[in-house]
Amino acid sequence: YGSMVLIRSLIVGGMGHCLAKGSTIATRYSAVRHQSELV
């Protein structure tokens, strides 16, 4: 079953990369987007 263990191990870092992509998009856009007035 060693091949499964290897791929599962790679998925862990892959999920970090997945969130890195999503948070990059959302954070950069949130810095560009302006909305409403706080004051």
PDB file of all heavy atoms in Angstrom:
ATOM      1  N   TYR A   1       0.812  -1.212   0.000  1.00  0.00           N
ATOM      2  CA  TYR A   1       0.000   0.000   0.000  1.00  0.00           C
ATOM      3  C   TYR A   1       0.850   1.268   0.000  1.00  0.00           C
ATOM      4  O   TYR A   1       0.354   2.370   0.176  1.00  0.00           O
ATOM      5  CB  TYR A   1      -0.928   0.031   1.227  1.00  0.00           C
ATOM      6  CG  TYR A   1      -1.985  -1.053   1.272  1.00  0.00           C
ATOM      7  CD1 TYR A   1      -2.776  -1.217   2.393  1.00  0.00           C
ATOM      8  CD2 TYR A   1      -2.173  -1.921   0.188  1.00  0.00           C
ATOM      9  CE1 TYR A   1      -3.755  -2.222   2.440  1.00  0.00           C
ATOM     10  CE2 TYR A   1      -3.143  -2.920   0.239  1.00  0.00           C
ATOM     11  CZ  TYR A   1      -3.921  -3.066   1.364  1.00  0.00           C
ATOM     12  OH  TYR A   1      -4.872  -4.046   1.402  1.00  0.00           O
ATOM     13  N   GLY A   2       2.163   1.118  -0.192  1.00  0.00           N
ATOM     14  CA  GLY A   2       3.069   2.259  -0.092  1.00  0.00           C
ATOM     15  C   GLY A   2       2.755   3.386  -1.049  1.00  0.00           C
ATOM     16  O   GLY A   2       2.928   4.567  -0.719  1.00  0.00           O
ATOM     17  N   SER A   3       2.272   3.058  -2.249  1.00  0.00           N
ATOM     18  CA  SER A   3       1.978   4.118  -3.229  1.00  0.00           C
ATOM     19  C   SER A   3       0.879   5.036  -2.735  1.00  0.00           C
ATOM     20  O   SER A   3       0.902   6.239  -2.966  1.00  0.00           O
ATOM     21  CB  SER A   3       1.580   3.497  -4.571  1.00  0.00           C
ATOM     22  OG  SER A   3       0.435   2.678  -4.424  1.00  0.00           O
ATOM     23  N   MET A   4      -0.111   4.461  -2.016  1.00  0.00           N
ATOM     24  CA  MET A   4      -1.188   5.293  -1.474  1.00  0.00           C
ATOM     25  C   MET A   4      -0.658   6.250  -0.415  1.00  0.00           C
ATOM     26  O   MET A   4      -1.076   7.408  -0.350  1.00  0.00           O
ATOM     27  CB  MET A   4      -2.285   4.408  -0.884  1.00  0.00           C
ATOM     28  CG  MET A   4      -3.073   3.618  -1.909  1.00  0.00           C
ATOM     29  SD  MET A   4      -4.441   2.731  -1.144  1.00  0.00           S
ATOM     30  CE  MET A   4      -3.567   1.538  -0.161  1.00  0.00           C
ATOM     31  N   VAL A   5       0.244   5.762   0.432  1.00  0.00           N
ATOM     32  CA  VAL A   5       0.799   6.601   1.490  1.00  0.00           C
ATOM     33  C   VAL A   5       1.555   7.777   0.893  1.00  0.00           C
ATOM     34  O   VAL A   5       1.432   8.923   1.361  1.00  0.00           O
ATOM     35  CB  VAL A   5       1.726   5.772   2.406  1.00  0.00           C
ATOM     36  CG1 VAL A   5       2.399   6.666   3.432  1.00  0.00           C
ATOM     37  CG2 VAL A   5       0.932   4.679   3.107  1.00  0.00           C
ATOM     38  N   LEU A   6       2.320   7.538  -0.155  1.00  0.00           N
ATOM     39  CA  LEU A   6       3.065   8.613  -0.801  1.00  0.00           C
ATOM     40  C   LEU A   6       2.122   9.680  -1.331  1.00  0.00           C
ATOM     41  O   LEU A   6       2.315  10.880  -1.080  1.00  0.00           O
ATOM     42  CB  LEU A   6       3.911   8.056  -1.944  1.00  0.00           C
ATOM     43  CG  LEU A   6       4.580   9.103  -2.846  1.00  0.00           C
ATOM     44  CD1 LEU A   6       5.524   9.987  -2.037  1.00  0.00           C
ATOM     45  CD2 LEU A   6       5.317   8.433  -3.987  1.00  0.00           C
ATOM     46  N   ILE A   7       1.090   9.276  -2.046  1.00  0.00           N
ATOM     47  CA  ILE A   7       0.187  10.256  -2.661  1.00  0.00           C
ATOM     48  C   ILE A   7      -0.587  11.013  -1.584  1.00  0.00           C
ATOM     49  O   ILE A   7      -0.778  12.224  -1.685  1.00  0.00           O
ATOM     50  CB  ILE A   7      -0.766   9.558  -3.649  1.00  0.00           C
ATOM     51  CG1 ILE A   7       0.050   8.959  -4.799  1.00  0.00           C
ATOM     52  CG2 ILE A   7      -1.786  10.557  -4.204  1.00  0.00           C
ATOM     53  CD1 ILE A   7      -0.736   8.084  -5.734  1.00  0.00           C
ATOM     54  N   ARG A   8      -0.994  10.320  -0.522  1.00  0.00           N
ATOM     55  CA  ARG A   8      -1.687  11.016   0.563  1.00  0.00           C
ATOM     56  C   ARG A   8      -0.760  12.039   1.220  1.00  0.00           C
ATOM     57  O   ARG A   8      -1.202  13.123   1.608  1.00  0.00           O
ATOM     58  CB  ARG A   8      -2.183  10.001   1.605  1.00  0.00           C
ATOM     59  CG  ARG A   8      -3.352   9.162   1.121  1.00  0.00           C
ATOM     60  CD  ARG A   8      -3.631   8.011   2.052  1.00  0.00           C
ATOM     61  NE  ARG A   8      -4.639   7.120   1.502  1.00  0.00           N
ATOM     62  CZ  ARG A   8      -4.871   5.886   1.944  1.00  0.00           C
ATOM     63  NH1 ARG A   8      -4.164   5.405   2.959  1.00  0.00           N
ATOM     64  NH2 ARG A   8      -5.798   5.134   1.392  1.00  0.00           N
ATOM     65  N   SER A   9       0.509  11.684   1.348  1.00  0.00           N
ATOM     66  CA  SER A   9       1.480  12.622   1.920  1.00  0.00           C
ATOM     67  C   SER A   9       1.592  13.867   1.050  1.00  0.00           C
ATOM     68  O   SER A   9       1.681  14.991   1.556  1.00  0.00           O
ATOM     69  CB  SER A   9       2.850  11.939   2.051  1.00  0.00           C
ATOM     70  OG  SER A   9       2.773  10.827   2.914  1.00  0.00           O
ATOM     71  N   LEU A  10       1.584  13.679  -0.266  1.00  0.00           N
ATOM     72  CA  LEU A  10       1.686  14.811  -1.181  1.00  0.00           C
ATOM     73  C   LEU A  10       0.427  15.678  -1.151  1.00  0.00           C
ATOM     74  O   LEU A  10       0.493  16.891  -1.341  1.00  0.00           O
ATOM     75  CB  LEU A  10       1.934  14.308  -2.603  1.00  0.00           C
ATOM     76  CG  LEU A  10       3.281  13.600  -2.835  1.00  0.00           C
ATOM     77  CD1 LEU A  10       3.327  13.004  -4.240  1.00  0.00           C
ATOM     78  CD2 LEU A  10       4.445  14.556  -2.627  1.00  0.00           C
ATOM     79  N   ILE A  11      -0.719  15.059  -0.896  1.00  0.00           N
ATOM     80  CA  ILE A  11      -1.978  15.812  -0.847  1.00  0.00           C
ATOM     81  C   ILE A  11      -1.948  16.831   0.288  1.00  0.00           C
ATOM     82  O   ILE A  11      -2.502  17.926   0.160  1.00  0.00           O
ATOM     83  CB  ILE A  11      -3.177  14.856  -0.700  1.00  0.00           C
ATOM     84  CG1 ILE A  11      -3.397  14.083  -2.012  1.00  0.00           C
ATOM     85  CG2 ILE A  11      -4.459  15.627  -0.334  1.00  0.00           C
ATOM     86  CD1 ILE A  11      -4.439  12.994  -1.904  1.00  0.00           C
ATOM     87  N   VAL A  12      -1.296  16.498   1.396  1.00  0.00           N
ATOM     88  CA  VAL A  12      -1.251  17.416   2.550  1.00  0.00           C
ATOM     89  C   VAL A  12      -0.658  18.758   2.128  1.00  0.00           C
ATOM     90  O   VAL A  12      -1.257  19.822   2.344  1.00  0.00           O
ATOM     91  CB  VAL A  12      -0.436  16.794   3.703  1.00  0.00           C
ATOM     92  CG1 VAL A  12      -0.291  17.798   4.851  1.00  0.00           C
ATOM     93  CG2 VAL A  12      -1.105  15.514   4.198  1.00  0.00           C
ATOM     94  N   GLY A  13       0.533  18.730   1.508  1.00  0.00           N
ATOM     95  CA  GLY A  13       1.120  19.969   1.010  1.00  0.00           C
ATOM     96  C   GLY A  13       0.299  20.572  -0.111  1.00  0.00           C
ATOM     97  O   GLY A  13       0.222  21.801  -0.252  1.00  0.00           O
ATOM     98  N   GLY A  14      -0.335  19.709  -0.911  1.00  0.00           N
ATOM     99  CA  GLY A  14      -1.190  20.204  -1.998  1.00  0.00           C
ATOM    100  C   GLY A  14      -2.346  21.031  -1.487  1.00  0.00           C
ATOM    101  O   GLY A  14      -2.747  22.020  -2.117  1.00  0.00           O
ATOM    102  N   MET A  15      -2.883  20.659  -0.330  1.00  0.00           N
ATOM    103  CA  MET A  15      -3.975  21.447   0.248  1.00  0.00           C
ATOM    104  C   MET A  15      -3.460  22.792   0.757  1.00  0.00           C
ATOM    105  O   MET A  15      -4.188  23.793   0.731  1.00  0.00           O
ATOM    106  CB  MET A  15      -4.651  20.662   1.378  1.00  0.00           C
ATOM    107  CG  MET A  15      -5.432  19.446   0.899  1.00  0.00           C
ATOM    108  SD  MET A  15      -6.768  19.857  -0.274  1.00  0.00           S
ATOM    109  CE  MET A  15      -5.995  19.572  -1.862  1.00  0.00           C
ATOM    110  N   GLY A  16      -2.200  22.822   1.207  1.00  0.00           N
ATOM    111  CA  GLY A  16      -1.602  24.110   1.555  1.00  0.00           C
ATOM    112  C   GLY A  16      -1.470  24.992   0.332  1.00  0.00           C
ATOM    113  O   GLY A  16      -1.762  26.202   0.391  1.00  0.00           O
ATOM    114  N   HIS A  17      -1.039  24.409  -0.777  1.00  0.00           N
ATOM    115  CA  HIS A  17      -0.896  25.175  -2.021  1.00  0.00           C
ATOM    116  C   HIS A  17      -2.261  25.630  -2.530  1.00  0.00           C
ATOM    117  O   HIS A  17      -2.400  26.750  -3.048  1.00  0.00           O
ATOM    118  CB  HIS A  17      -0.198  24.326  -3.069  1.00  0.00           C
ATOM    119  CG  HIS A  17       0.172  25.068  -4.309  1.00  0.00           C
ATOM    120  ND1 HIS A  17       1.109  26.085  -4.317  1.00  0.00           N
ATOM    121  CD2 HIS A  17      -0.270  24.965  -5.586  1.00  0.00           C
ATOM    122  CE1 HIS A  17       1.229  26.566  -5.543  1.00  0.00           C
ATOM    123  NE2 HIS A  17       0.404  25.901  -6.326  1.00  0.00           N
ATOM    124  N   CYS A  18      -3.258  24.786  -2.373  1.00  0.00           N
ATOM    125  CA  CYS A  18      -4.629  25.135  -2.761  1.00  0.00           C
ATOM    126  C   CYS A  18      -5.112  26.367  -1.993  1.00  0.00           C
ATOM    127  O   CYS A  18      -5.633  27.327  -2.579  1.00  0.00           O
ATOM    128  CB  CYS A  18      -5.527  23.932  -2.496  1.00  0.00           C
ATOM    129  SG  CYS A  18      -7.297  24.260  -2.440  1.00  0.00           S
ATOM    130  N   LEU A  19      -4.927  26.358  -0.671  1.00  0.00           N
ATOM    131  CA  LEU A  19      -5.329  27.518   0.140  1.00  0.00           C
ATOM    132  C   LEU A  19      -4.454  28.729  -0.158  1.00  0.00           C
ATOM    133  O   LEU A  19      -4.920  29.872  -0.081  1.00  0.00           O
ATOM    134  CB  LEU A  19      -5.254  27.179   1.625  1.00  0.00           C
ATOM    135  CG  LEU A  19      -6.443  26.427   2.219  1.00  0.00           C
ATOM    136  CD1 LEU A  19      -6.216  26.158   3.699  1.00  0.00           C
ATOM    137  CD2 LEU A  19      -7.745  27.198   2.015  1.00  0.00           C
ATOM    138  N   ALA A  20      -3.181  28.485  -0.487  1.00  0.00           N
ATOM    139  CA  ALA A  20      -2.302  29.600  -0.848  1.00  0.00           C
ATOM    140  C   ALA A  20      -2.838  30.309  -2.088  1.00  0.00           C
ATOM    141  O   ALA A  20      -2.866  31.546  -2.151  1.00  0.00           O
ATOM    142  CB  ALA A  20      -0.884  29.094  -1.099  1.00  0.00           C
ATOM    143  N   LYS A  21      -3.282  29.543  -3.066  1.00  0.00           N
ATOM    144  CA  LYS A  21      -3.858  30.139  -4.276  1.00  0.00           C
ATOM    145  C   LYS A  21      -5.127  30.920  -3.949  1.00  0.00           C
ATOM    146  O   LYS A  21      -5.293  32.082  -4.352  1.00  0.00           O
ATOM    147  CB  LYS A  21      -4.188  29.050  -5.299  1.00  0.00           C
ATOM    148  CG  LYS A  21      -3.027  28.583  -6.137  1.00  0.00           C
ATOM    149  CD  LYS A  21      -3.530  27.659  -7.248  1.00  0.00           C
ATOM    150  CE  LYS A  21      -2.427  27.351  -8.249  1.00  0.00           C
ATOM    151  NZ  LYS A  21      -2.938  26.515  -9.365  1.00  0.00           N
ATOM    152  N   GLY A  22      -6.046  30.274  -3.229  1.00  0.00           N
ATOM    153  CA  GLY A  22      -7.308  30.931  -2.921  1.00  0.00           C
ATOM    154  C   GLY A  22      -7.138  32.181  -2.086  1.00  0.00           C
ATOM    155  O   GLY A  22      -7.775  33.209  -2.345  1.00  0.00           O
ATOM    156  N   SER A  23      -6.275  32.118  -1.079  1.00  0.00           N
ATOM    157  CA  SER A  23      -6.080  33.288  -0.225  1.00  0.00           C
ATOM    158  C   SER A  23      -5.320  34.389  -0.957  1.00  0.00           C
ATOM    159  O   SER A  23      -5.527  35.579  -0.678  1.00  0.00           O
ATOM    160  CB  SER A  23      -5.350  32.893   1.064  1.00  0.00           C
ATOM    161  OG  SER A  23      -4.092  32.322   0.798  1.00  0.00           O
ATOM    162  N   THR A  24      -4.466  34.019  -1.906  1.00  0.00           N
ATOM    163  CA  THR A  24      -3.785  35.033  -2.712  1.00  0.00           C
ATOM    164  C   THR A  24      -4.784  35.813  -3.555  1.00  0.00           C
ATOM    165  O   THR A  24      -4.760  37.055  -3.586  1.00  0.00           O
ATOM    166  CB  THR A  24      -2.732  34.376  -3.631  1.00  0.00           C
ATOM    167  OG1 THR A  24      -1.720  33.769  -2.825  1.00  0.00           O
ATOM    168  CG2 THR A  24      -2.084  35.409  -4.540  1.00  0.00           C
ATOM    169  N   ILE A  25      -5.665  35.096  -4.226  1.00  0.00           N
ATOM    170  CA  ILE A  25      -6.679  35.757  -5.062  1.00  0.00           C
ATOM    171  C   ILE A  25      -7.552  36.674  -4.211  1.00  0.00           C
ATOM    172  O   ILE A  25      -7.749  37.857  -4.526  1.00  0.00           O
ATOM    173  CB  ILE A  25      -7.556  34.713  -5.784  1.00  0.00           C
ATOM    174  CG1 ILE A  25      -6.723  33.893  -6.768  1.00  0.00           C
ATOM    175  CG2 ILE A  25      -8.712  35.403  -6.524  1.00  0.00           C
ATOM    176  CD1 ILE A  25      -7.440  32.669  -7.311  1.00  0.00           C
ATOM    177  N   ALA A  26      -8.089  36.129  -3.118  1.00  0.00           N
ATOM    178  CA  ALA A  26      -9.041  36.884  -2.305  1.00  0.00           C
ATOM    179  C   ALA A  26      -8.383  38.066  -1.594  1.00  0.00           C
ATOM    180  O   ALA A  26      -8.987  39.145  -1.476  1.00  0.00           O
ATOM    181  CB  ALA A  26      -9.698  35.957  -1.275  1.00  0.00           C
ATOM    182  N   THR A  27      -7.162  37.893  -1.144  1.00  0.00           N
ATOM    183  CA  THR A  27      -6.484  38.983  -0.424  1.00  0.00           C
ATOM    184  C   THR A  27      -6.090  40.105  -1.370  1.00  0.00           C
ATOM    185  O   THR A  27      -6.294  41.292  -1.076  1.00  0.00           O
ATOM    186  CB  THR A  27      -5.245  38.446   0.316  1.00  0.00           C
ATOM    187  OG1 THR A  27      -5.650  37.405   1.220  1.00  0.00           O
ATOM    188  CG2 THR A  27      -4.549  39.546   1.096  1.00  0.00           C
ATOM    189  N   ARG A  28      -5.511  39.757  -2.507  1.00  0.00           N
ATOM    190  CA  ARG A  28      -5.150  40.795  -3.479  1.00  0.00           C
ATOM    191  C   ARG A  28      -6.389  41.549  -3.961  1.00  0.00           C
ATOM    192  O   ARG A  28      -6.375  42.788  -4.071  1.00  0.00           O
ATOM    193  CB  ARG A  28      -4.428  40.171  -4.667  1.00  0.00           C
ATOM    194  CG  ARG A  28      -2.991  39.739  -4.372  1.00  0.00           C
ATOM    195  CD  ARG A  28      -2.369  39.084  -5.587  1.00  0.00           C
ATOM    196  NE  ARG A  28      -0.977  38.705  -5.355  1.00  0.00           N
ATOM    197  CZ  ARG A  28      -0.248  37.988  -6.201  1.00  0.00           C
ATOM    198  NH1 ARG A  28      -0.790  37.560  -7.345  1.00  0.00           N
ATOM    199  NH2 ARG A  28       1.012  37.683  -5.929  1.00  0.00           N
ATOM    200  N   TYR A  29      -7.459  40.820  -4.236  1.00  0.00           N
ATOM    201  CA  TYR A  29      -8.673  41.499  -4.701  1.00  0.00           C
ATOM    202  C   TYR A  29      -9.255  42.381  -3.603  1.00  0.00           C
ATOM    203  O   TYR A  29      -9.758  43.485  -3.879  1.00  0.00           O
ATOM    204  CB  TYR A  29      -9.703  40.474  -5.159  1.00  0.00           C
ATOM    205  CG  TYR A  29     -10.976  41.111  -5.665  1.00  0.00           C
ATOM    206  CD1 TYR A  29     -10.964  41.917  -6.818  1.00  0.00           C
ATOM    207  CD2 TYR A  29     -12.172  40.945  -4.987  1.00  0.00           C
ATOM    208  CE1 TYR A  29     -12.125  42.519  -7.269  1.00  0.00           C
ATOM    209  CE2 TYR A  29     -13.336  41.545  -5.440  1.00  0.00           C
ATOM    210  CZ  TYR A  29     -13.301  42.329  -6.577  1.00  0.00           C
ATOM    211  OH  TYR A  29     -14.458  42.931  -7.026  1.00  0.00           O
ATOM    212  N   SER A  30      -9.167  41.924  -2.353  1.00  0.00           N
ATOM    213  CA  SER A  30      -9.696  42.717  -1.237  1.00  0.00           C
ATOM    214  C   SER A  30      -8.895  43.996  -1.021  1.00  0.00           C
ATOM    215  O   SER A  30      -9.404  44.959  -0.426  1.00  0.00           O
ATOM    216  CB  SER A  30      -9.682  41.882   0.053  1.00  0.00           C
ATOM    217  OG  SER A  30     -10.553  40.776  -0.058  1.00  0.00           O
ATOM    218  N   ALA A  31      -7.644  44.008  -1.488  1.00  0.00           N
ATOM    219  CA  ALA A  31      -6.843  45.232  -1.409  1.00  0.00           C
ATOM    220  C   ALA A  31      -7.171  46.186  -2.543  1.00  0.00           C
ATOM    221  O   ALA A  31      -6.992  47.406  -2.413  1.00  0.00           O
ATOM    222  CB  ALA A  31      -5.358  44.880  -1.442  1.00  0.00           C
ATOM    223  N   VAL A  32      -7.686  45.651  -3.657  1.00  0.00           N
ATOM    224  CA  VAL A  32      -8.046  46.482  -4.814  1.00  0.00           C
ATOM    225  C   VAL A  32      -9.469  47.015  -4.686  1.00  0.00           C
ATOM    226  O   VAL A  32      -9.752  48.164  -5.031  1.00  0.00           O
ATOM    227  CB  VAL A  32      -7.903  45.655  -6.115  1.00  0.00           C
ATOM    228  CG1 VAL A  32      -8.477  46.405  -7.311  1.00  0.00           C
ATOM    229  CG2 VAL A  32      -6.440  45.302  -6.356  1.00  0.00           C
ATOM    230  N   ARG A  33     -10.352  46.182  -4.171  1.00  0.00           N
ATOM    231  CA  ARG A  33     -11.770  46.524  -4.090  1.00  0.00           C
ATOM    232  C   ARG A  33     -12.038  47.534  -2.976  1.00  0.00           C
ATOM    233  O   ARG A  33     -11.597  47.356  -1.836  1.00  0.00           O
ATOM    234  CB  ARG A  33     -12.580  45.254  -3.829  1.00  0.00           C
ATOM    235  CG  ARG A  33     -14.065  45.471  -3.595  1.00  0.00           C
ATOM    236  CD  ARG A  33     -14.806  45.748  -4.870  1.00  0.00           C
ATOM    237  NE  ARG A  33     -16.249  45.805  -4.650  1.00  0.00           N
ATOM    238  CZ  ARG A  33     -17.141  45.992  -5.624  1.00  0.00           C
ATOM    239  NH1 ARG A  33     -16.726  46.114  -6.877  1.00  0.00           N
ATOM    240  NH2 ARG A  33     -18.424  46.042  -5.365  1.00  0.00           N
ATOM    241  N   HIS A  34     -12.754  48.601  -3.283  1.00  0.00           N
ATOM    242  CA  HIS A  34     -13.196  49.593  -2.300  1.00  0.00           C
ATOM    243  C   HIS A  34     -14.722  49.552  -2.228  1.00  0.00           C
ATOM    244  O   HIS A  34     -15.393  49.443  -3.264  1.00  0.00           O
ATOM    245  CB  HIS A  34     -12.747  50.998  -2.708  1.00  0.00           C
ATOM    246  CG  HIS A  34     -11.263  51.196  -2.627  1.00  0.00           C
ATOM    247  ND1 HIS A  34     -10.650  51.981  -1.658  1.00  0.00           N
ATOM    248  CD2 HIS A  34     -10.253  50.709  -3.394  1.00  0.00           C
ATOM    249  CE1 HIS A  34      -9.350  51.976  -1.836  1.00  0.00           C
ATOM    250  NE2 HIS A  34      -9.073  51.207  -2.887  1.00  0.00           N
ATOM    251  N   GLN A  35     -15.256  49.669  -1.021  1.00  0.00           N
ATOM    252  CA  GLN A  35     -16.708  49.604  -0.904  1.00  0.00           C
ATOM    253  C   GLN A  35     -17.207  50.280   0.366  1.00  0.00           C
ATOM    254  O   GLN A  35     -16.620  50.117   1.440  1.00  0.00           O
ATOM    255  CB  GLN A  35     -17.186  48.145  -0.927  1.00  0.00           C
ATOM    256  CG  GLN A  35     -18.707  48.020  -1.002  1.00  0.00           C
ATOM    257  CD  GLN A  35     -19.137  46.668  -1.537  1.00  0.00           C
ATOM    258  OE1 GLN A  35     -18.424  46.044  -2.304  1.00  0.00           O
ATOM    259  NE2 GLN A  35     -20.317  46.240  -1.140  1.00  0.00           N
ATOM    260  N   SER A  36     -18.305  51.042   0.213  1.00  0.00           N
ATOM    261  CA  SER A  36     -19.014  51.715   1.308  1.00  0.00           C
ATOM    262  C   SER A  36     -18.108  52.714   2.028  1.00  0.00           C
ATOM    263  O   SER A  36     -16.943  52.888   1.679  1.00  0.00           O
ATOM    264  CB  SER A  36     -19.591  50.691   2.299  1.00  0.00           C
ATOM    265  OG  SER A  36     -20.456  49.799   1.628  1.00  0.00           O
ATOM    266  N   GLU A  37     -18.655  53.362   3.029  1.00  0.00           N
ATOM    267  CA  GLU A  37     -17.900  54.323   3.823  1.00  0.00           C
ATOM    268  C   GLU A  37     -17.929  53.892   5.279  1.00  0.00           C
ATOM    269  O   GLU A  37     -18.997  53.688   5.844  1.00  0.00           O
ATOM    270  CB  GLU A  37     -18.506  55.731   3.710  1.00  0.00           C
ATOM    271  CG  GLU A  37     -18.332  56.377   2.352  1.00  0.00           C
ATOM    272  CD  GLU A  37     -18.889  57.795   2.331  1.00  0.00           C
ATOM    273  OE1 GLU A  37     -19.728  58.118   3.205  1.00  0.00           O
ATOM    274  OE2 GLU A  37     -18.496  58.573   1.444  1.00  0.00           O
ATOM    275  N   LEU A  38     -16.760  53.730   5.860  1.00  0.00           N
ATOM    276  CA  LEU A  38     -16.710  53.457   7.287  1.00  0.00           C
ATOM    277  C   LEU A  38     -17.110  54.696   8.076  1.00  0.00           C
ATOM    278  O   LEU A  38     -17.820  54.630   9.081  1.00  0.00           O
ATOM    279  CB  LEU A  38     -15.293  53.022   7.696  1.00  0.00           C
ATOM    280  CG  LEU A  38     -14.942  51.549   7.521  1.00  0.00           C
ATOM    281  CD1 LEU A  38     -13.467  51.313   7.806  1.00  0.00           C
ATOM    282  CD2 LEU A  38     -15.796  50.677   8.426  1.00  0.00           C
ATOM    283  N   VAL A  39     -16.613  55.834   7.601  1.00  0.00           N
ATOM    284  CA  VAL A  39     -16.931  57.129   8.206  1.00  0.00           C
ATOM    285  C   VAL A  39     -17.534  58.008   7.125  1.00  0.00           C
ATOM    286  O   VAL A  39     -16.996  58.088   6.015  1.00  0.00           O
ATOM    287  CB  VAL A  39     -15.655  57.793   8.784  1.00  0.00           C
ATOM    288  CG1 VAL A  39     -15.999  59.146   9.393  1.00  0.00           C
ATOM    289  CG2 VAL A  39     -14.997  56.883   9.818  1.00  0.00           C
TER     290      VAL A  39
END
